Amino acid sequence: MNRRDFFKTTVAGFGAVTFLSALARAEGRGGSGSAPAAAAAKPVLVDPKAPDAKAVNYVNVNTDIKDKALKNERSGVKFENQKCKGCIFYGVDKETTVGGKKASTCQMPFAKDKLVAAEGWCSSWAKR
């Protein structure tokens, strides 16, 4: 095998592996990965009892926080006014209603494919 054939084979193999892994990821999401299928999924709020949410003390309503050590002022904002809708990580432009509560996306990893409540709070809160 000469050098040219080697590189042709390598590039073709890399392309095939890339294609197959993308195909496998799309099937793992439950379809071809098309936008209509993703848009048809019903939005779901983050469950405060989920391990990832517990790790950041997430609650759907900030008054549900009982630990006084967490109820401190941040960036000049009193705890009572710290809500997801005022957080830098909250997707204001993507706000929707879920179960009668305003909610949106969050950039924090614990909220990966789910929404957080506008009135919610977590220990990653940062002033918008």
Foldseek 3Di string as FASTA:
>chain_A
DDPVVVVVVVVVVVVVVVVVVLCVVQVVVPHNPDPVVVVPDDAAAQDCPDPLNVVFNKDQALVPDDDVVLQCDDPNRGSQPQFLLQFPQFDPVAWDDDPNFIWGAGPDPSQVRHIHGRNMDTSVGDGD
